[in-house]
Amino acid sequence: MSQFYTPALDNNSEDPFIRDANNRLVRRSYWLDMSDPTVVLVMVNGIGAHIPNDQKRAHLEDIGRGHLVKEICIQEILPPEK
């Protein structure tokens, strides 16, 4: 599995992405209490918008929302080179 996103602890100790020494989410209930549409919104336009797709994918699999990967991890389409 890919490396999880790890926020800087000095910025916000209440960050919902913080993990413990065993790499488990500290605020797991924050994510589990959300509906699927809310998770999509948070990961696309909210606090997860700046996270790379591979880390988003790892996070979604960890919280049992792997079925949302296609909605959240949108591929960037590059124009053909000339």
C-alpha atoms as a PDB file:
ATOM      1  CA  MET A   1       0.000   0.000   0.000  1.00  0.00           C
ATOM      2  CA  SER A   2       1.161   3.539  -0.698  1.00  0.00           C
ATOM      3  CA  GLN A   3       2.558   5.881   1.877  1.00  0.00           C
ATOM      4  CA  PHE A   4      -0.099   7.789   3.783  1.00  0.00           C
ATOM      5  CA  TYR A   5      -0.220  11.579   3.859  1.00  0.00           C
ATOM      6  CA  THR A   6       1.363  12.829   7.074  1.00  0.00           C
ATOM      7  CA  PRO A   7       0.589  16.424   8.051  1.00  0.00           C
ATOM      8  CA  ALA A   8       2.999  18.590  10.011  1.00  0.00           C
ATOM      9  CA  LEU A   9       2.062  18.257  13.670  1.00  0.00           C
ATOM     10  CA  ASP A  10       3.108  21.803  14.530  1.00  0.00           C
ATOM     11  CA  ASN A  11       0.347  23.276  12.356  1.00  0.00           C
ATOM     12  CA  ASN A  12      -2.710  21.535  13.752  1.00  0.00           C
ATOM     13  CA  SER A  13      -2.818  18.735  16.309  1.00  0.00           C
ATOM     14  CA  GLU A  14      -6.492  18.139  15.414  1.00  0.00           C
ATOM     15  CA  ASP A  15      -5.794  17.402  11.755  1.00  0.00           C
ATOM     16  CA  PRO A  16      -7.982  14.429  10.695  1.00  0.00           C
ATOM     17  CA  PHE A  17      -5.064  12.907   8.752  1.00  0.00           C
ATOM     18  CA  ILE A  18      -2.801  12.454  11.820  1.00  0.00           C
ATOM     19  CA  ARG A  19      -1.666   8.874  12.443  1.00  0.00           C
ATOM     20  CA  ASP A  20      -0.239   7.210  15.545  1.00  0.00           C
ATOM     21  CA  ALA A  21       3.006   5.242  15.882  1.00  0.00           C
ATOM     22  CA  ASN A  22       1.275   2.162  14.410  1.00  0.00           C
ATOM     23  CA  ASN A  23       0.171   4.172  11.342  1.00  0.00           C
ATOM     24  CA  ARG A  24      -3.506   4.124  12.395  1.00  0.00           C
ATOM     25  CA  LEU A  25      -5.684   7.215  12.069  1.00  0.00           C
ATOM     26  CA  VAL A  26      -6.041   9.011  15.386  1.00  0.00           C
ATOM     27  CA  ARG A  27      -9.367  10.627  14.421  1.00  0.00           C
ATOM     28  CA  ARG A  28     -10.770   7.628  12.535  1.00  0.00           C
ATOM     29  CA  SER A  29     -14.333   8.373  13.670  1.00  0.00           C
ATOM     30  CA  TYR A  30     -14.120  11.747  11.891  1.00  0.00           C
ATOM     31  CA  TRP A  31     -13.971   9.866   8.586  1.00  0.00           C
ATOM     32  CA  LEU A  32     -16.265   6.987   9.444  1.00  0.00           C
ATOM     33  CA  ASP A  33     -19.066   9.342  10.519  1.00  0.00           C
ATOM     34  CA  MET A  34     -19.143  11.006   7.066  1.00  0.00           C
ATOM     35  CA  SER A  35     -21.425   9.969   4.226  1.00  0.00           C
ATOM     36  CA  ASP A  36     -19.824   9.074   0.889  1.00  0.00           C
ATOM     37  CA  PRO A  37     -20.831  12.380  -0.786  1.00  0.00           C
ATOM     38  CA  THR A  38     -19.284  14.309   2.107  1.00  0.00           C
ATOM     39  CA  VAL A  39     -16.021  12.340   1.854  1.00  0.00           C
ATOM     40  CA  VAL A  40     -15.892  13.143  -1.863  1.00  0.00           C
ATOM     41  CA  LEU A  41     -16.472  16.831  -1.179  1.00  0.00           C
ATOM     42  CA  VAL A  42     -13.841  16.976   1.577  1.00  0.00           C
ATOM     43  CA  MET A  43     -11.223  15.159  -0.479  1.00  0.00           C
ATOM     44  CA  VAL A  44     -11.845  17.068  -3.739  1.00  0.00           C
ATOM     45  CA  ASN A  45     -12.596  20.608  -2.539  1.00  0.00           C
ATOM     46  CA  GLY A  46     -11.752  20.629   1.165  1.00  0.00           C
ATOM     47  CA  ILE A  47      -8.917  19.543   3.430  1.00  0.00           C
ATOM     48  CA  GLY A  48      -7.826  16.719   1.130  1.00  0.00           C
ATOM     49  CA  ALA A  49      -7.651  18.720  -2.087  1.00  0.00           C
ATOM     50  CA  HIS A  50      -3.882  19.313  -1.857  1.00  0.00           C
ATOM     51  CA  ILE A  51      -2.981  15.660  -1.260  1.00  0.00           C
ATOM     52  CA  PRO A  52      -1.496  13.661  -4.170  1.00  0.00           C
ATOM     53  CA  ASN A  53      -3.729  10.969  -5.699  1.00  0.00           C
ATOM     54  CA  ASP A  54      -1.625   8.025  -4.472  1.00  0.00           C
ATOM     55  CA  GLN A  55      -1.931   9.245  -0.872  1.00  0.00           C
ATOM     56  CA  LYS A  56      -5.660   9.907  -1.295  1.00  0.00           C
ATOM     57  CA  ARG A  57      -6.075   6.371  -2.631  1.00  0.00           C
ATOM     58  CA  ALA A  58      -4.215   4.879   0.356  1.00  0.00           C
ATOM     59  CA  HIS A  59      -6.318   6.923   2.779  1.00  0.00           C
ATOM     60  CA  LEU A  60      -9.597   5.918   1.115  1.00  0.00           C
ATOM     61  CA  GLU A  61      -8.661   2.228   1.213  1.00  0.00           C
ATOM     62  CA  ASP A  62      -7.733   2.573   4.888  1.00  0.00           C
ATOM     63  CA  ILE A  63     -11.107   4.060   5.853  1.00  0.00           C
ATOM     64  CA  GLY A  64     -13.037   1.513   3.792  1.00  0.00           C
ATOM     65  CA  ARG A  65     -14.028   3.916   1.031  1.00  0.00           C
ATOM     66  CA  GLY A  66     -11.999   2.451  -1.806  1.00  0.00           C
ATOM     67  CA  HIS A  67     -15.107   2.516  -3.997  1.00  0.00           C
ATOM     68  CA  LEU A  68     -14.790   6.335  -4.102  1.00  0.00           C
ATOM     69  CA  VAL A  69     -11.327   6.396  -5.690  1.00  0.00           C
ATOM     70  CA  LYS A  70     -12.624   7.027  -9.224  1.00  0.00           C
ATOM     71  CA  GLU A  71     -14.697  10.004  -8.035  1.00  0.00           C
ATOM     72  CA  ILE A  72     -11.900  11.542  -5.964  1.00  0.00           C
ATOM     73  CA  CYS A  73      -8.645  10.713  -7.749  1.00  0.00           C
ATOM     74  CA  ILE A  74      -9.286  12.368 -11.074  1.00  0.00           C
ATOM     75  CA  GLN A  75      -6.591  11.727 -13.639  1.00  0.00           C
ATOM     76  CA  GLU A  76      -4.894  14.670 -15.234  1.00  0.00           C
ATOM     77  CA  ILE A  77      -5.127  14.528 -19.000  1.00  0.00           C
ATOM     78  CA  LEU A  78      -2.139  16.033 -20.768  1.00  0.00           C
ATOM     79  CA  PRO A  79      -2.341  17.310 -24.337  1.00  0.00           C
ATOM     80  CA  PRO A  80      -0.296  15.404 -26.931  1.00  0.00           C
ATOM     81  CA  GLU A  81       3.206  16.642 -27.547  1.00  0.00           C
ATOM     82  CA  LYS A  82       3.845  18.208 -30.957  1.00  0.00           C
END
